[in-house]
Protein backbone atom coordinates (compact mmCIF):
# COMPACT_ATOMS: atom_id res chain seq x y z
CA MET A 1 9.72 2.18 20.77
CA PRO A 2 6.49 3.74 20.31
CA LYS A 3 4.29 2.51 22.83
CA ALA A 4 0.50 1.17 21.85
CA LEU A 5 -2.54 0.29 23.93
CA VAL A 6 -4.59 -1.74 22.66
CA VAL A 7 -8.37 -2.01 24.50
CA ASP A 8 -11.01 -4.47 23.22
CA ASP A 9 -13.64 -7.25 25.51
CA GLU A 10 -13.05 -9.89 22.98
CA ALA A 11 -9.24 -11.62 24.42
CA ASN A 12 -8.64 -13.15 21.34
CA ILE A 13 -8.97 -9.70 19.20
CA ARG A 14 -6.51 -8.28 22.07
CA GLU A 15 -3.69 -10.78 21.08
CA LEU A 16 -4.00 -10.49 17.34
CA VAL A 17 -3.76 -6.61 17.64
CA SER A 18 -0.69 -6.93 20.15
CA VAL A 19 1.07 -10.08 17.73
CA TYR A 20 0.91 -7.93 15.64
CA LEU A 21 1.52 -4.79 16.11
CA THR A 22 4.27 -6.08 18.62
CA ALA A 23 6.20 -7.40 15.25
CA ALA A 24 6.20 -4.20 13.73
CA GLY A 25 7.74 -2.29 16.53
CA PHE A 26 5.15 -1.45 19.24
CA GLU A 27 5.54 -1.58 22.40
CA VAL A 28 1.65 -3.12 23.88
CA ASP A 29 -0.81 -2.53 26.58
CA GLN A 30 -3.84 -4.53 26.78
CA ALA A 31 -7.43 -3.61 28.34
CA GLY A 32 -10.25 -5.26 28.12
CA ASP A 33 -12.50 -2.71 29.45
CA GLY A 34 -13.71 1.02 29.29
CA PRO A 35 -12.32 2.06 32.60
CA THR A 36 -9.74 -0.24 32.97
CA GLY A 37 -8.09 1.56 29.45
CA LEU A 38 -8.87 4.82 30.82
CA ALA A 39 -6.84 4.44 33.56
CA LEU A 40 -4.25 2.71 31.87
CA ALA A 41 -3.93 6.05 29.08
CA GLN A 42 -3.94 8.39 31.86
CA ALA A 43 -1.38 6.97 33.86
CA ALA A 44 1.16 6.14 31.26
CA ARG A 45 2.22 8.04 27.31
CA PHE A 46 1.14 6.38 25.00
CA ASP A 47 1.98 6.99 21.25
CA VAL A 48 -1.31 5.15 19.88
CA ILE A 49 -4.74 4.00 21.09
CA VAL A 50 -6.43 1.57 19.02
CA LEU A 51 -10.07 1.24 20.77
CA ASP A 52 -13.23 -1.38 20.34
CA ILE A 53 -16.61 1.15 20.22
CA MET A 54 -18.38 -1.90 22.32
CA LEU A 55 -16.95 -2.17 25.43
CA PRO A 56 -17.93 -3.29 29.16
CA LEU A 57 -18.46 -0.55 31.47
CA MET A 58 -17.79 2.14 29.96
CA ASP A 59 -18.10 2.34 25.91
CA GLY A 60 -15.44 3.56 23.58
CA ALA A 61 -17.09 6.57 22.61
CA GLU A 62 -16.87 7.79 26.35
CA VAL A 63 -13.66 6.66 26.51
CA CYS A 64 -12.03 8.35 23.40
CA ARG A 65 -14.81 12.15 24.85
CA ARG A 66 -12.29 11.46 27.98
CA VAL A 67 -9.16 10.68 27.05
CA ARG A 68 -9.10 13.91 24.73
CA ALA A 69 -9.93 16.04 28.10
CA PHE A 70 -6.17 14.88 28.95
CA SER A 71 -4.63 13.95 26.02
CA ASP A 72 -4.14 14.15 22.04
CA VAL A 73 -3.05 10.79 21.16
CA PRO A 74 -4.33 9.63 18.03
CA VAL A 75 -6.85 6.80 18.34
CA ILE A 76 -8.22 4.17 15.71
CA MET A 77 -11.71 3.11 16.98
CA LEU A 78 -12.30 -0.24 16.14
CA THR A 79 -16.67 -0.92 15.08
CA ALA A 80 -18.98 -3.15 14.21
CA ARG A 81 -21.16 -0.07 12.58
CA ASP A 82 -20.80 0.64 8.67
CA THR A 83 -23.13 3.69 8.32
CA ASP A 84 -22.04 6.53 7.19
CA LEU A 85 -23.39 8.62 10.17
CA ASP A 86 -21.84 6.02 12.61
CA LYS A 87 -18.36 7.07 10.94
CA VAL A 88 -19.29 10.58 11.23
CA ALA A 89 -20.23 10.05 14.68
CA LEU A 90 -16.17 8.86 15.91
CA LEU A 91 -14.45 11.37 14.21
CA GLU A 92 -16.68 13.93 15.65
CA GLY A 93 -16.18 11.95 19.07
CA GLY A 94 -12.47 12.48 18.50
CA ALA A 95 -10.92 9.57 16.90
CA ASP A 96 -8.89 9.61 14.66
CA ASP A 97 -9.18 6.79 12.59
CA TYR A 98 -11.49 3.74 12.68
CA LEU A 99 -11.71 0.70 11.10
CA THR A 100 -14.89 -2.27 10.71
CA LYS A 101 -14.45 -5.17 11.63
CA PRO A 102 -13.65 -7.63 10.38
CA PHE A 103 -10.60 -5.88 9.95
CA SER A 104 -7.33 -6.79 8.41
CA PRO A 105 -4.16 -6.93 10.52
CA PRO A 106 -1.78 -5.42 8.92
CA GLU A 107 -4.02 -2.42 7.61
CA LEU A 108 -5.00 -1.61 11.07
CA VAL A 109 -0.93 -1.82 11.65
CA ALA A 110 -0.08 0.36 8.85
CA ARG A 111 -2.32 3.05 10.04
CA ALA A 112 -0.65 3.18 13.45
CA ARG A 113 2.31 3.50 12.20
CA ALA A 114 1.36 6.14 10.12
CA LEU A 115 -0.65 8.22 12.65
CA VAL A 116 2.19 7.90 15.02
CA ARG A 117 4.89 8.90 11.84
CA ARG A 118 3.03 12.16 11.35
CA ALA A 119 2.21 13.34 15.04
CA GLN A 120 6.10 12.57 15.40
CA SER A 121 7.31 14.32 11.74
CA THR A 122 4.92 17.26 13.50
CA SER A 123 6.86 17.53 16.54
CA ARG A 124 10.08 18.15 14.95
CA ARG A 125 9.06 20.77 12.51
CA VAL A 126 9.06 23.69 14.98
CA GLU A 127 8.69 27.46 13.55
CA ARG A 128 5.61 28.89 13.90
CA LEU A 129 2.79 29.66 11.54
CA VAL A 130 1.37 32.68 11.54
CA ALA A 131 -1.88 33.58 9.29
CA GLY A 132 -3.12 36.92 10.46
CA GLY A 133 -4.34 36.44 14.30
CA LEU A 134 -4.34 32.54 13.55
CA GLU A 135 -0.96 31.22 14.99
CA LEU A 136 -0.23 27.87 15.26
CA ASP A 137 3.28 26.25 17.13
CA PRO A 138 4.63 22.73 16.03
CA ALA A 139 6.98 22.88 19.72
CA THR A 140 4.25 23.25 21.94
CA HIS A 141 1.27 21.71 20.06
CA GLU A 142 -0.42 25.50 20.44
CA VAL A 143 -3.04 26.83 18.50
CA SER A 144 -4.11 30.29 19.12
CA VAL A 145 -7.00 32.83 17.66
CA ASP A 146 -6.21 36.70 18.48
CA GLY A 147 -3.32 35.46 21.58
CA LYS A 148 -6.42 32.77 22.46
CA ASN A 149 -5.76 29.55 23.02
CA THR A 150 -7.74 27.12 21.28
CA GLU A 151 -7.28 23.30 22.07
CA LEU A 152 -7.46 20.62 18.59
CA THR A 153 -7.51 17.18 18.60
CA ALA A 154 -4.14 15.68 16.79
CA LYS A 155 -5.63 15.21 13.51
CA GLU A 156 -7.21 18.64 13.36
CA PHE A 157 -4.01 19.83 14.14
CA GLN A 158 -2.29 18.02 11.52
CA LEU A 159 -4.87 19.15 8.97
CA LEU A 160 -4.84 22.51 9.84
CA GLU A 161 -0.69 22.88 10.00
CA THR A 162 -0.43 20.96 6.56
CA MET A 163 -2.66 24.00 4.99
CA LEU A 164 -1.00 26.82 7.19
CA ARG A 165 2.38 25.87 5.38
CA GLU A 166 0.99 26.81 2.08
CA PRO A 167 -1.23 29.82 2.22
CA GLY A 168 -3.71 30.41 -0.31
CA VAL A 169 -2.45 27.15 -1.90
CA VAL A 170 -5.84 24.76 -2.23
CA PHE A 171 -6.16 21.29 -1.28
CA THR A 172 -8.28 18.45 -2.19
CA ARG A 173 -9.66 16.21 0.03
CA GLU A 174 -8.27 13.19 -1.11
CA SER A 175 -4.37 15.61 -0.34
CA LEU A 176 -5.51 16.18 3.30
CA LEU A 177 -6.64 12.55 4.19
CA ASP A 178 -3.06 11.64 2.47
CA ALA A 179 -0.93 14.67 4.97
CA ALA A 180 -2.56 13.29 7.47
CA TRP A 181 -3.07 9.28 7.38
CA GLY A 182 -0.56 8.64 4.11
CA PHE A 183 -3.32 6.23 2.75
CA SER A 184 -6.15 8.10 1.65
CA ASP A 185 -7.13 5.44 -0.61
CA TYR A 186 -8.63 3.13 2.54
CA LEU A 187 -10.59 6.41 4.00
CA ASP A 188 -13.75 7.97 3.40
CA VAL A 189 -12.97 11.69 1.79
CA ARG A 190 -15.95 12.85 3.53
CA GLY A 191 -14.20 12.15 6.82
CA ILE A 192 -12.23 15.53 6.23
CA ASP A 193 -15.45 17.55 5.57
CA VAL A 194 -16.28 16.61 9.63
CA HIS A 195 -12.72 17.72 10.83
CA ILE A 196 -12.80 21.11 8.63
CA ARG A 197 -16.42 21.88 10.32
CA HIS A 198 -14.85 20.98 13.83
CA ILE A 199 -11.77 23.34 13.29
CA ARG A 200 -13.88 26.18 12.15
CA GLU A 201 -15.82 25.73 14.73
CA LYS A 202 -12.85 26.27 17.46
CA LEU A 203 -11.37 28.11 15.67
CA GLY A 204 -14.78 31.03 15.76
CA ASP A 205 -14.52 31.04 11.73
CA ASP A 206 -17.12 31.54 9.46
CA ALA A 207 -18.34 28.90 6.09
CA ASN A 208 -20.21 31.41 4.52
CA HIS A 209 -17.41 34.57 5.67
CA PRO A 210 -13.86 32.93 6.54
CA ARG A 211 -11.35 34.83 8.07
CA PHE A 212 -8.84 31.09 8.15
CA VAL A 213 -10.26 28.17 6.05
CA GLU A 214 -11.88 28.96 3.19
CA THR A 215 -14.02 26.35 1.36
CA VAL A 216 -12.83 26.26 -2.77
CA ARG A 217 -16.13 24.44 -4.03
CA GLY A 218 -15.94 21.92 -5.96
CA VAL A 219 -11.53 21.63 -5.07
CA GLY A 220 -10.80 21.24 -1.53
CA TYR A 221 -10.01 24.02 1.48
CA ARG A 222 -7.21 26.43 1.48
CA ILE A 223 -5.94 28.82 4.62
CA VAL A 224 -6.91 32.61 3.35
CA LYS A 225 -4.15 34.03 1.81
CA ASP A 226 -4.00 37.68 3.14
CA ALA A 227 -5.68 36.41 6.85
CA GLN A 228 -6.78 39.36 9.41
């Protein structure tokens, strides 16, 4: 049974989300403020966290940042902010997905299940993937460049793994969204650009002279086939 943590200061939203997640087969824990949610995330293993951005004592963005220091658990942010800058900020802060309030509980459940499913699928595909000095190990969730480990978020890891499994193949932004989230129609494809930028930064890659991740202008991204 997958386990979810719902962190929201509005009790009615916590209960609504919990009811839907429970009906979908999740075991659910709840928290009404940032520090409590963070403490629960540290004390137990969760398969997904649903996290409101506006929380008392510690906001959701800070909770997400601190969770990322010790866990790659998928995080879905709930936000009343709907500008592109707000959405990009959530992704840059370590969130894997977001929903704008008011949201559809069935859609939230669909996204949570997709994130859990893909995380579990990744853990089952155990062969190491290599492209020149870049190595990715699905079994240990480790990524290294020239023998030096680098930390990726769960979503960054999934995107890089998807491309590494087919070096030289061009992936559109929509196909990467579908591979990592499972329902590309719901998400802004520009979010992929944020994740790719973060991946490049962590790999020490250069977008203008790519060693590993290459942009195919007007199409998408691919792993350099003869990466060094």
